[in-house]
Amino acid sequence: MNIVIIGASGKTGQLAAQQALDAGHRVTAFIRSPEKLKMTHERLTIVQGDATDSEAVNSALNGQDAVISCVGSNNGLSKTTILREMASTVAEAMAHNGVDRIVYMASAGIDREIPGVMGKVTMKLLGNVLEDHRNAVEVYKSFDFKWTIARPMGLTDKPYTGSYTETLEGIPSGSKSISRADVADFLVRAISDDQYIYQSVGLASKE
C-alpha cells in the first residue's frame, strides 16, 4: 500500500513511518522540516511541505492509497484552529486525488468520553485542543471517506509492546496511558484492516 503520513517528523509519526515500512508499505513522509526525520529506506519518500498548503499536499497525495495523520498543534493549550485547517486541506487533496482511506490520530476526550471528576478536569484543561481535533474529525467525516479515529490515552515514550486495549465506547479500563510505539502500531494496522472503518477507537496500555 502507498501511504502518506502527515506529521511524520513527530514522535508518533516517526514510529508510524518506521512500522509502516517494516510492514512492507511504501511511505511518503510529508513534513515541514525534513532534517527532523532521521530515517532512510528504499521505500521511503520524504516530501517537504506544510499541511495547510493545498498545492504541496495535492502533490504528495498523487498516486497514494491512504493517509495516516499524526499532526498536532504547536499552540499549547491555547485556542487554535490549525488542526481543522490542516484537515480541510488534506481532505480536499484526498478527494481530488481519489484517496478515500484515512486514519487520524486524535486524543482521548474528543468524544467527551473520559468519566469522573478527573475526566472533566482533564477535558476542560485540554478543551481547546480537543475542540480543534473534534472539528478536524468532522471535516473528514463530511467527505465520503473510509475513516478511523484513534483516541489514545496519555502518550508515553515507553517501549513497543504490541499488546494494548481497544474500545469503541468510552475509554479503556485500567491504564491512563499508552506508548507512542503502540499507538503507531494501531495506526499502521488499522489502515489496512476494514474492521476499523467508521470506528473511533480508544487506546490504552494493558499495564
Protein backbone atom coordinates (compact mmCIF):
# COMPACT_ATOMS: atom_id res chain seq x y z
CA MET A 1 0.00 0.00 0.00
CA ASN A 2 1.17 3.54 -0.73
CA ILE A 3 0.70 5.56 2.46
CA VAL A 4 1.20 9.26 3.13
CA ILE A 5 1.99 10.08 6.74
CA ILE A 6 1.12 13.67 7.61
CA GLY A 7 3.21 14.80 10.56
CA ALA A 8 5.84 12.11 10.09
CA SER A 9 8.54 14.08 11.92
CA GLY A 10 6.71 13.97 15.27
CA LYS A 11 7.43 11.28 17.83
CA THR A 12 4.44 9.13 16.91
CA GLY A 13 4.72 9.96 13.22
CA GLN A 14 8.30 8.72 13.01
CA LEU A 15 7.35 5.48 14.71
CA ALA A 16 4.40 5.05 12.36
CA ALA A 17 6.64 5.64 9.35
CA GLN A 18 9.14 3.02 10.52
CA GLN A 19 6.45 0.48 11.36
CA ALA A 20 4.70 1.05 8.01
CA LEU A 21 7.99 0.39 6.23
CA ASP A 22 8.56 -2.72 8.36
CA ALA A 23 5.09 -3.90 7.30
CA GLY A 24 6.07 -3.62 3.64
CA HIS A 25 4.24 -0.41 2.71
CA ARG A 26 5.60 2.39 0.59
CA VAL A 27 5.69 5.51 2.72
CA THR A 28 5.63 9.18 1.80
CA ALA A 29 6.58 11.26 4.83
CA PHE A 30 5.03 14.71 4.49
CA ILE A 31 6.83 17.07 6.86
CA ARG A 32 7.77 20.72 7.22
CA SER A 33 11.34 20.02 8.38
CA PRO A 34 12.90 17.00 6.61
CA GLU A 35 16.02 17.19 8.76
CA LYS A 36 13.93 16.06 11.74
CA LEU A 37 13.30 12.64 10.18
CA LYS A 38 16.44 10.61 10.82
CA MET A 39 15.46 7.75 8.57
CA THR A 40 16.32 6.36 5.15
CA HIS A 41 14.74 3.45 3.31
CA GLU A 42 14.29 2.38 -0.32
CA ARG A 43 10.50 2.58 0.11
CA LEU A 44 10.54 5.93 1.90
CA THR A 45 9.99 9.24 0.13
CA ILE A 46 10.34 12.46 2.10
CA VAL A 47 8.28 15.41 0.89
CA GLN A 48 8.76 18.83 2.42
CA GLY A 49 5.65 20.94 2.85
CA ASP A 50 3.07 22.47 5.14
CA ALA A 51 -0.23 20.65 5.64
CA THR A 52 -2.11 23.91 5.04
CA ASP A 53 -0.51 24.31 1.59
CA SER A 54 -3.01 22.80 -0.85
CA GLU A 55 -0.53 22.59 -3.74
CA ALA A 56 2.06 20.74 -1.66
CA VAL A 57 -0.50 18.36 -0.14
CA ASN A 58 -2.06 17.64 -3.54
CA SER A 59 1.34 16.77 -4.94
CA ALA A 60 2.13 14.46 -2.02
CA LEU A 61 -1.19 12.61 -2.34
CA ASN A 62 -0.88 11.94 -6.04
CA GLY A 63 -0.83 8.15 -6.57
CA GLN A 64 -1.40 7.30 -2.91
CA ASP A 65 -3.79 4.75 -1.38
CA ALA A 66 -4.23 6.04 2.15
CA VAL A 67 -3.36 8.71 4.68
CA ILE A 68 -2.22 8.44 8.29
CA SER A 69 -2.45 11.76 10.11
CA CYS A 70 -0.31 12.28 13.22
CA VAL A 71 -0.46 16.07 13.27
CA GLY A 72 -0.56 18.08 16.46
CA SER A 73 -0.88 21.68 17.48
CA ASN A 74 2.07 23.86 18.45
CA ASN A 75 -0.19 26.30 20.29
CA GLY A 76 -0.03 24.53 23.64
CA LEU A 77 -3.41 24.75 25.32
CA SER A 78 -4.40 27.98 23.58
CA LYS A 79 -7.38 28.40 21.27
CA THR A 80 -6.45 27.14 17.82
CA THR A 81 -7.95 26.09 14.51
CA ILE A 82 -4.77 24.73 12.91
CA LEU A 83 -5.85 21.07 13.07
CA ARG A 84 -9.14 21.83 11.33
CA GLU A 85 -7.31 23.93 8.73
CA MET A 86 -4.90 21.09 8.00
CA ALA A 87 -7.77 18.60 7.87
CA SER A 88 -9.59 20.76 5.33
CA THR A 89 -6.53 20.94 3.10
CA VAL A 90 -5.79 17.22 3.37
CA ALA A 91 -9.43 16.23 2.83
CA GLU A 92 -9.72 18.36 -0.31
CA ALA A 93 -6.49 16.84 -1.63
CA MET A 94 -7.71 13.33 -0.84
CA ALA A 95 -10.93 13.95 -2.74
CA HIS A 96 -9.05 15.49 -5.65
CA ASN A 97 -6.67 12.51 -5.88
CA GLY A 98 -9.27 9.79 -5.29
CA VAL A 99 -7.82 8.75 -1.92
CA ASP A 100 -10.60 7.63 0.41
CA ARG A 101 -8.86 5.95 3.38
CA ILE A 102 -7.61 7.87 6.41
CA VAL A 103 -6.60 7.01 9.95
CA TYR A 104 -6.49 10.10 12.14
CA MET A 105 -4.74 10.23 15.49
CA ALA A 106 -6.73 12.46 17.82
CA SER A 107 -6.86 12.10 21.61
CA ALA A 108 -8.94 10.60 24.36
CA GLY A 109 -11.55 13.19 25.24
CA ILE A 110 -12.65 14.25 21.76
CA ASP A 111 -15.91 12.34 22.26
CA ARG A 112 -16.28 13.84 25.77
CA GLU A 113 -15.90 10.26 26.96
CA ILE A 114 -13.49 10.49 29.91
CA PRO A 115 -15.57 9.81 33.04
CA GLY A 116 -15.39 11.14 36.56
CA VAL A 117 -14.20 14.37 38.12
CA MET A 118 -10.65 13.95 36.83
CA GLY A 119 -12.04 13.30 33.38
CA LYS A 120 -13.96 16.56 33.46
CA VAL A 121 -10.89 18.42 34.71
CA THR A 122 -8.71 16.89 32.00
CA MET A 123 -11.17 17.61 29.22
CA LYS A 124 -11.59 21.19 30.42
CA LEU A 125 -7.82 21.70 30.58
CA LEU A 126 -7.39 20.29 27.08
CA GLY A 127 -10.60 21.88 25.85
CA ASN A 128 -9.13 23.99 23.07
CA VAL A 129 -7.01 21.18 21.64
CA LEU A 130 -9.85 18.67 21.88
CA GLU A 131 -12.23 21.08 20.14
CA ASP A 132 -9.76 21.52 17.29
CA HIS A 133 -9.31 17.75 16.96
CA ARG A 134 -13.10 17.35 17.05
CA ASN A 135 -13.54 19.88 14.28
CA ALA A 136 -10.81 18.21 12.21
CA VAL A 137 -12.56 14.85 12.59
CA GLU A 138 -15.83 16.39 11.45
CA VAL A 139 -14.11 17.63 8.31
CA TYR A 140 -13.03 14.10 7.38
CA LYS A 141 -16.44 12.69 8.25
CA SER A 142 -18.11 15.24 5.95
CA PHE A 143 -16.42 13.60 2.94
CA ASP A 144 -17.11 10.17 1.52
CA PHE A 145 -14.02 8.71 3.17
CA LYS A 146 -13.36 5.45 4.99
CA TRP A 147 -12.18 6.98 8.25
CA THR A 148 -10.81 5.63 11.50
CA ILE A 149 -10.20 7.79 14.55
CA ALA A 150 -7.62 6.82 17.18
CA ARG A 151 -8.27 8.16 20.70
CA PRO A 152 -5.14 7.30 22.70
CA MET A 153 -4.84 7.98 26.41
CA GLY A 154 -1.76 9.86 27.65
CA LEU A 155 1.18 9.28 25.34
CA THR A 156 4.48 7.97 26.72
CA ASP A 157 7.88 7.08 25.29
CA LYS A 158 7.80 3.59 26.78
CA PRO A 159 8.84 0.67 24.54
CA TYR A 160 6.63 -1.02 21.98
CA THR A 161 4.62 -3.96 23.30
CA GLY A 162 2.13 -4.68 20.51
CA SER A 163 -0.38 -5.54 23.24
CA TYR A 164 -2.86 -2.88 24.30
CA THR A 165 -6.55 -2.36 24.99
CA GLU A 166 -9.02 -1.07 22.41
CA THR A 167 -12.58 0.09 22.94
CA LEU A 168 -15.20 1.60 20.68
CA GLU A 169 -17.13 3.14 23.56
CA GLY A 170 -15.66 5.42 26.21
CA ILE A 171 -12.08 4.83 27.29
CA PRO A 172 -10.28 1.55 28.02
CA SER A 173 -10.44 0.49 31.66
CA GLY A 174 -7.26 0.42 33.69
CA SER A 175 -4.29 2.28 32.28
CA LYS A 176 -4.34 6.02 31.73
CA SER A 177 -1.55 5.94 29.18
CA ILE A 178 -0.13 4.17 26.14
CA SER A 179 3.24 4.25 24.41
CA ARG A 180 3.60 6.14 21.17
CA ALA A 181 5.08 2.99 19.66
CA ASP A 182 1.88 1.07 20.40
CA VAL A 183 -0.27 3.88 19.02
CA ALA A 184 1.83 3.75 15.85
CA ASP A 185 1.21 0.01 15.72
CA PHE A 186 -2.54 0.63 15.78
CA LEU A 187 -2.39 3.35 13.12
CA VAL A 188 -0.50 1.09 10.72
CA ARG A 189 -2.66 -1.97 11.42
CA ALA A 190 -5.89 -0.04 11.09
CA ILE A 191 -5.03 1.47 7.72
CA SER A 192 -5.40 -1.92 6.04
CA ASP A 193 -7.98 -3.55 8.33
CA ASP A 194 -11.59 -3.00 7.27
CA GLN A 195 -12.97 -3.73 10.75
CA TYR A 196 -11.81 -0.27 11.83
CA ILE A 197 -13.57 1.66 9.07
CA TYR A 198 -16.04 4.21 10.51
CA GLN A 199 -14.81 3.49 14.04
CA SER A 200 -13.49 5.75 16.80
CA VAL A 201 -11.16 3.63 18.89
CA GLY A 202 -9.98 4.33 22.43
CA LEU A 203 -6.46 3.04 23.14
CA ALA A 204 -4.56 2.33 26.36
CA SER A 205 -1.79 0.05 27.54
CA LYS A 206 -2.61 -3.15 29.41
CA GLU A 207 -0.47 -2.18 32.39
